[in-house]
N, C-alpha and C. Protein backbone atom coordinates (compact mmCIF):
# COMPACT_ATOMS: atom_id res chain seq x y z
N GLN A 1 0.67 9.15 -12.92
CA GLN A 1 1.47 10.36 -13.13
C GLN A 1 0.82 11.52 -12.36
N VAL A 2 1.62 12.26 -11.64
CA VAL A 2 1.15 13.42 -10.88
C VAL A 2 1.99 14.62 -11.28
N GLN A 3 1.33 15.70 -11.65
CA GLN A 3 2.03 16.95 -11.96
C GLN A 3 1.72 17.96 -10.86
N LEU A 4 2.75 18.65 -10.41
CA LEU A 4 2.64 19.54 -9.26
C LEU A 4 3.06 20.96 -9.64
N VAL A 5 2.28 21.94 -9.21
CA VAL A 5 2.59 23.34 -9.48
C VAL A 5 2.46 24.14 -8.18
N GLU A 6 3.58 24.71 -7.73
CA GLU A 6 3.59 25.51 -6.50
C GLU A 6 3.25 26.96 -6.78
N SER A 7 2.73 27.63 -5.77
CA SER A 7 2.48 29.07 -5.83
C SER A 7 2.50 29.63 -4.42
N GLY A 8 2.56 30.96 -4.31
CA GLY A 8 2.47 31.60 -3.01
C GLY A 8 3.77 32.12 -2.45
N GLY A 9 4.87 31.87 -3.13
CA GLY A 9 6.14 32.38 -2.64
C GLY A 9 6.22 33.89 -2.80
N GLY A 10 7.28 34.47 -2.24
CA GLY A 10 7.47 35.90 -2.35
C GLY A 10 8.48 36.42 -1.36
N LEU A 11 8.49 37.74 -1.22
CA LEU A 11 9.39 38.43 -0.29
C LEU A 11 8.60 38.88 0.92
N VAL A 12 9.11 38.56 2.10
CA VAL A 12 8.44 38.93 3.34
C VAL A 12 9.48 39.31 4.38
N GLN A 13 9.10 40.18 5.29
CA GLN A 13 10.01 40.55 6.37
C GLN A 13 10.03 39.47 7.45
N ALA A 14 11.12 39.41 8.15
CA ALA A 14 11.24 38.47 9.27
C ALA A 14 10.07 38.68 10.24
N GLY A 15 9.51 37.57 10.69
CA GLY A 15 8.35 37.61 11.55
C GLY A 15 7.03 37.53 10.82
N GLY A 16 7.07 37.67 9.51
CA GLY A 16 5.86 37.63 8.71
C GLY A 16 5.42 36.22 8.36
N SER A 17 4.40 36.14 7.53
CA SER A 17 3.81 34.86 7.15
C SER A 17 3.63 34.75 5.65
N LEU A 18 3.66 33.53 5.17
CA LEU A 18 3.33 33.20 3.79
C LEU A 18 2.59 31.87 3.80
N ARG A 19 1.74 31.68 2.80
CA ARG A 19 1.07 30.41 2.62
C ARG A 19 1.37 29.90 1.22
N LEU A 20 2.06 28.77 1.17
CA LEU A 20 2.35 28.13 -0.11
C LEU A 20 1.25 27.15 -0.45
N SER A 21 0.95 27.07 -1.74
CA SER A 21 0.00 26.09 -2.24
C SER A 21 0.66 25.26 -3.31
N CYS A 22 0.18 24.05 -3.46
CA CYS A 22 0.68 23.16 -4.50
C CYS A 22 -0.51 22.43 -5.10
N ALA A 23 -0.82 22.76 -6.33
CA ALA A 23 -1.94 22.13 -7.02
C ALA A 23 -1.45 20.94 -7.82
N ALA A 24 -2.18 19.85 -7.73
CA ALA A 24 -1.78 18.62 -8.40
C ALA A 24 -2.80 18.21 -9.44
N SER A 25 -2.31 17.65 -10.51
CA SER A 25 -3.18 17.04 -11.51
C SER A 25 -3.11 15.54 -11.36
N GLY A 26 -4.08 14.86 -11.89
CA GLY A 26 -4.07 13.41 -11.79
C GLY A 26 -5.12 12.89 -10.83
N ARG A 27 -5.64 11.73 -11.11
CA ARG A 27 -6.72 11.18 -10.31
C ARG A 27 -6.24 10.43 -9.09
N THR A 28 -4.91 10.30 -8.92
CA THR A 28 -4.39 9.50 -7.81
C THR A 28 -3.82 10.36 -6.71
N PHE A 29 -4.22 11.63 -6.65
CA PHE A 29 -3.67 12.55 -5.66
C PHE A 29 -3.81 12.01 -4.25
N SER A 30 -4.98 11.48 -3.91
CA SER A 30 -5.23 11.05 -2.54
C SER A 30 -4.48 9.78 -2.16
N SER A 31 -3.86 9.13 -3.11
CA SER A 31 -3.09 7.92 -2.81
C SER A 31 -1.61 8.22 -2.62
N HIS A 32 -1.24 9.49 -2.60
CA HIS A 32 0.16 9.89 -2.44
C HIS A 32 0.39 10.64 -1.14
N VAL A 33 1.49 10.31 -0.51
CA VAL A 33 2.01 11.14 0.57
C VAL A 33 2.55 12.42 -0.07
N LEU A 34 2.34 13.55 0.59
CA LEU A 34 2.81 14.83 0.06
C LEU A 34 3.80 15.48 1.02
N GLY A 35 4.80 16.10 0.43
CA GLY A 35 5.82 16.73 1.25
C GLY A 35 6.26 18.07 0.68
N TRP A 36 6.86 18.86 1.56
CA TRP A 36 7.52 20.10 1.15
C TRP A 36 9.01 19.99 1.49
N PHE A 37 9.82 20.40 0.55
CA PHE A 37 11.26 20.45 0.71
C PHE A 37 11.72 21.87 0.37
N ARG A 38 12.95 22.20 0.75
CA ARG A 38 13.48 23.51 0.37
C ARG A 38 14.97 23.39 0.09
N GLN A 39 15.43 24.33 -0.73
CA GLN A 39 16.85 24.35 -1.09
C GLN A 39 17.33 25.78 -1.11
N ALA A 40 18.26 26.07 -0.21
CA ALA A 40 18.88 27.39 -0.14
C ALA A 40 20.09 27.42 -1.06
N PRO A 41 20.52 28.60 -1.48
CA PRO A 41 21.69 28.69 -2.37
C PRO A 41 22.92 28.01 -1.76
N GLY A 42 23.55 27.16 -2.56
CA GLY A 42 24.75 26.49 -2.12
C GLY A 42 24.54 25.34 -1.16
N LYS A 43 23.28 25.00 -0.91
CA LYS A 43 22.98 23.92 0.04
C LYS A 43 22.19 22.82 -0.65
N GLU A 44 22.16 21.66 -0.01
CA GLU A 44 21.39 20.55 -0.53
C GLU A 44 19.90 20.76 -0.22
N ARG A 45 19.08 20.12 -1.03
CA ARG A 45 17.64 20.16 -0.78
C ARG A 45 17.35 19.41 0.51
N GLU A 46 16.49 20.00 1.35
CA GLU A 46 16.21 19.39 2.65
C GLU A 46 14.71 19.26 2.89
N PHE A 47 14.37 18.28 3.70
CA PHE A 47 12.99 18.03 4.07
C PHE A 47 12.47 19.13 4.98
N VAL A 48 11.21 19.52 4.76
CA VAL A 48 10.57 20.51 5.62
C VAL A 48 9.37 19.89 6.36
N ALA A 49 8.44 19.30 5.61
CA ALA A 49 7.23 18.77 6.23
C ALA A 49 6.58 17.76 5.29
N ALA A 50 5.79 16.87 5.86
CA ALA A 50 5.06 15.88 5.07
C ALA A 50 3.73 15.58 5.73
N VAL A 51 2.78 15.15 4.90
CA VAL A 51 1.44 14.82 5.39
C VAL A 51 1.02 13.50 4.76
N SER A 52 0.34 12.68 5.55
CA SER A 52 -0.11 11.37 5.08
C SER A 52 -1.23 11.50 4.06
N ARG A 53 -1.58 10.38 3.45
CA ARG A 53 -2.56 10.40 2.37
C ARG A 53 -3.91 10.95 2.81
N GLY A 54 -4.33 10.61 4.00
CA GLY A 54 -5.62 11.09 4.48
C GLY A 54 -5.54 12.43 5.20
N GLY A 55 -4.34 12.87 5.49
CA GLY A 55 -4.15 14.16 6.15
C GLY A 55 -4.08 14.10 7.66
N SER A 56 -4.20 12.91 8.25
CA SER A 56 -4.26 12.83 9.70
C SER A 56 -2.90 12.83 10.37
N SER A 57 -1.85 12.49 9.63
CA SER A 57 -0.50 12.44 10.20
C SER A 57 0.41 13.43 9.50
N THR A 58 1.20 14.14 10.31
CA THR A 58 2.15 15.10 9.76
C THR A 58 3.49 14.94 10.46
N VAL A 59 4.53 15.39 9.82
CA VAL A 59 5.87 15.39 10.41
C VAL A 59 6.61 16.62 9.90
N TYR A 60 7.46 17.18 10.78
CA TYR A 60 8.18 18.41 10.46
C TYR A 60 9.64 18.28 10.82
N THR A 61 10.48 18.99 10.10
CA THR A 61 11.86 19.10 10.54
C THR A 61 11.89 20.00 11.77
N ASP A 62 12.85 19.80 12.63
CA ASP A 62 12.87 20.49 13.92
C ASP A 62 12.86 22.01 13.79
N SER A 63 13.53 22.53 12.79
CA SER A 63 13.69 23.98 12.68
C SER A 63 12.39 24.72 12.35
N VAL A 64 11.35 24.00 11.92
CA VAL A 64 10.09 24.67 11.57
C VAL A 64 8.94 24.28 12.50
N LYS A 65 9.18 23.37 13.40
CA LYS A 65 8.12 22.93 14.31
C LYS A 65 7.57 24.12 15.10
N GLY A 66 6.25 24.19 15.15
CA GLY A 66 5.61 25.29 15.86
C GLY A 66 5.44 26.55 15.03
N ARG A 67 6.06 26.59 13.87
CA ARG A 67 5.94 27.77 12.99
C ARG A 67 5.24 27.44 11.67
N PHE A 68 5.49 26.24 11.14
CA PHE A 68 4.92 25.84 9.85
C PHE A 68 3.83 24.79 10.08
N THR A 69 2.83 24.80 9.20
CA THR A 69 1.77 23.80 9.24
C THR A 69 1.49 23.29 7.83
N ILE A 70 1.57 21.98 7.66
CA ILE A 70 1.24 21.38 6.37
C ILE A 70 -0.18 20.82 6.45
N SER A 71 -0.92 20.97 5.36
CA SER A 71 -2.27 20.42 5.29
C SER A 71 -2.58 20.09 3.84
N ARG A 72 -3.64 19.34 3.65
CA ARG A 72 -4.02 18.98 2.30
C ARG A 72 -5.53 18.96 2.16
N ASP A 73 -6.00 19.20 0.96
CA ASP A 73 -7.42 19.14 0.62
C ASP A 73 -7.54 18.19 -0.56
N ASN A 74 -7.89 16.95 -0.27
CA ASN A 74 -7.94 15.94 -1.33
C ASN A 74 -9.05 16.21 -2.34
N ALA A 75 -10.10 16.89 -1.92
CA ALA A 75 -11.18 17.22 -2.84
C ALA A 75 -10.73 18.23 -3.89
N LYS A 76 -9.74 19.05 -3.51
CA LYS A 76 -9.24 20.08 -4.43
C LYS A 76 -7.84 19.77 -4.96
N ASN A 77 -7.35 18.58 -4.64
CA ASN A 77 -6.01 18.17 -5.11
C ASN A 77 -4.95 19.21 -4.80
N THR A 78 -4.96 19.68 -3.57
CA THR A 78 -4.04 20.75 -3.19
C THR A 78 -3.41 20.46 -1.83
N VAL A 79 -2.15 20.80 -1.71
CA VAL A 79 -1.44 20.74 -0.44
C VAL A 79 -0.94 22.14 -0.11
N PHE A 80 -0.95 22.45 1.18
CA PHE A 80 -0.59 23.79 1.63
C PHE A 80 0.57 23.73 2.63
N LEU A 81 1.29 24.83 2.71
CA LEU A 81 2.28 25.00 3.76
C LEU A 81 2.11 26.41 4.31
N GLN A 82 1.52 26.49 5.50
CA GLN A 82 1.38 27.78 6.19
C GLN A 82 2.65 28.04 6.96
N MET A 83 3.30 29.16 6.67
CA MET A 83 4.57 29.49 7.30
C MET A 83 4.42 30.79 8.09
N ASN A 84 4.58 30.68 9.40
CA ASN A 84 4.47 31.83 10.31
C ASN A 84 5.80 32.11 10.97
N ARG A 85 5.93 33.32 11.50
CA ARG A 85 7.16 33.73 12.21
C ARG A 85 8.39 33.38 11.38
N LEU A 86 8.37 33.78 10.14
CA LEU A 86 9.45 33.46 9.23
C LEU A 86 10.76 34.11 9.65
N LYS A 87 11.84 33.42 9.36
CA LYS A 87 13.19 33.86 9.69
C LYS A 87 14.02 33.97 8.41
N PRO A 88 15.06 34.78 8.41
CA PRO A 88 15.91 34.87 7.22
C PRO A 88 16.46 33.51 6.79
N GLU A 89 16.70 32.63 7.73
CA GLU A 89 17.23 31.32 7.39
C GLU A 89 16.20 30.40 6.72
N ASP A 90 14.94 30.85 6.63
CA ASP A 90 13.93 30.12 5.88
C ASP A 90 13.99 30.43 4.39
N THR A 91 14.82 31.39 4.01
CA THR A 91 14.95 31.75 2.61
C THR A 91 15.45 30.57 1.78
N ALA A 92 14.70 30.24 0.74
CA ALA A 92 15.02 29.08 -0.10
C ALA A 92 14.00 28.97 -1.22
N VAL A 93 14.27 28.10 -2.15
CA VAL A 93 13.25 27.66 -3.10
C VAL A 93 12.52 26.48 -2.45
N TYR A 94 11.21 26.58 -2.41
CA TYR A 94 10.39 25.55 -1.78
C TYR A 94 9.75 24.68 -2.86
N TYR A 95 9.85 23.37 -2.66
CA TYR A 95 9.32 22.40 -3.61
C TYR A 95 8.28 21.52 -2.94
N CYS A 96 7.19 21.24 -3.63
CA CYS A 96 6.31 20.20 -3.14
C CYS A 96 6.61 18.92 -3.92
N ALA A 97 6.29 17.80 -3.29
CA ALA A 97 6.61 16.51 -3.86
C ALA A 97 5.56 15.49 -3.44
N ALA A 98 5.43 14.45 -4.25
CA ALA A 98 4.45 13.40 -3.98
C ALA A 98 5.13 12.04 -4.01
N ALA A 99 4.76 11.21 -3.07
CA ALA A 99 5.32 9.86 -2.97
C ALA A 99 4.20 8.83 -3.01
N ALA A 100 4.34 7.86 -3.90
CA ALA A 100 3.32 6.82 -4.05
C ALA A 100 3.55 5.74 -3.01
N THR A 101 3.26 6.07 -1.76
CA THR A 101 3.48 5.17 -0.66
C THR A 101 2.49 5.50 0.45
N SER A 102 2.59 4.79 1.54
CA SER A 102 1.73 5.05 2.69
C SER A 102 2.56 5.61 3.83
N GLY A 103 1.90 6.00 4.89
CA GLY A 103 2.61 6.55 6.03
C GLY A 103 3.03 7.98 5.78
N VAL A 104 4.14 8.37 6.38
CA VAL A 104 4.70 9.71 6.19
C VAL A 104 6.20 9.54 5.96
N VAL A 105 6.71 10.07 4.88
CA VAL A 105 8.11 9.88 4.55
C VAL A 105 8.83 11.21 4.51
N THR A 106 10.09 11.18 4.97
CA THR A 106 10.91 12.39 5.03
C THR A 106 12.11 12.34 4.10
N THR A 107 12.34 11.21 3.47
CA THR A 107 13.53 11.02 2.65
C THR A 107 13.28 11.48 1.23
N LEU A 108 14.14 12.33 0.74
CA LEU A 108 13.98 12.92 -0.59
C LEU A 108 13.85 11.84 -1.67
N SER A 109 14.64 10.79 -1.59
CA SER A 109 14.66 9.76 -2.64
C SER A 109 13.37 8.94 -2.70
N ARG A 110 12.54 9.04 -1.66
CA ARG A 110 11.28 8.29 -1.66
C ARG A 110 10.19 8.98 -2.46
N TYR A 111 10.42 10.21 -2.85
CA TYR A 111 9.41 10.97 -3.56
C TYR A 111 9.56 10.80 -5.07
N ASP A 112 8.41 10.60 -5.71
CA ASP A 112 8.39 10.24 -7.12
C ASP A 112 8.17 11.43 -8.05
N TYR A 113 7.45 12.44 -7.57
CA TYR A 113 7.08 13.57 -8.41
C TYR A 113 7.42 14.87 -7.70
N TRP A 114 7.85 15.84 -8.49
CA TRP A 114 8.30 17.13 -7.94
C TRP A 114 7.72 18.29 -8.75
N GLY A 115 7.45 19.38 -8.04
CA GLY A 115 7.10 20.62 -8.69
C GLY A 115 8.34 21.39 -9.10
N GLN A 116 8.13 22.55 -9.71
CA GLN A 116 9.25 23.37 -10.19
C GLN A 116 9.82 24.28 -9.11
N GLY A 117 9.09 24.46 -8.04
CA GLY A 117 9.59 25.27 -6.93
C GLY A 117 9.07 26.69 -6.95
N THR A 118 9.03 27.29 -5.77
CA THR A 118 8.64 28.69 -5.62
C THR A 118 9.59 29.36 -4.64
N GLN A 119 10.04 30.55 -4.96
CA GLN A 119 11.04 31.24 -4.16
C GLN A 119 10.40 31.91 -2.94
N VAL A 120 11.00 31.69 -1.80
CA VAL A 120 10.63 32.39 -0.57
C VAL A 120 11.85 33.14 -0.07
N THR A 121 11.71 34.44 0.10
CA THR A 121 12.81 35.26 0.58
C THR A 121 12.35 36.02 1.82
N VAL A 122 13.10 35.85 2.90
CA VAL A 122 12.76 36.51 4.16
C VAL A 122 13.86 37.53 4.47
N SER A 123 13.49 38.78 4.53
CA SER A 123 14.47 39.83 4.80
C SER A 123 14.54 40.12 6.30
N SER A 124 15.73 40.52 6.72
CA SER A 124 15.94 40.78 8.16
C SER A 124 15.65 42.23 8.50
């Protein structure tokens, strides 16, 4: 069982930066792939980024490549999402998730555990 709690969301102007954190409980943190998803009002939840169990492999959705960076600290049971050059279209509730698998997964249904989400609002 993995419990996830996100933090770091807020209101920022376009072009600004935010760093999201997701703290996990449980002794099996390092055996899970971790991902970030987001859901804007009226839209489906979508994949943003994922990182492999050891942290060496990452994958991003095209719209955030070059602007967002996912990383993890297995010693501290935490995953991060550094978001730079934010755009109004990045506005959404951001969720972290954990998948009890190997590799890097982008499919929402592959993730077993979810946090409650943190709101990110980017003003123009």
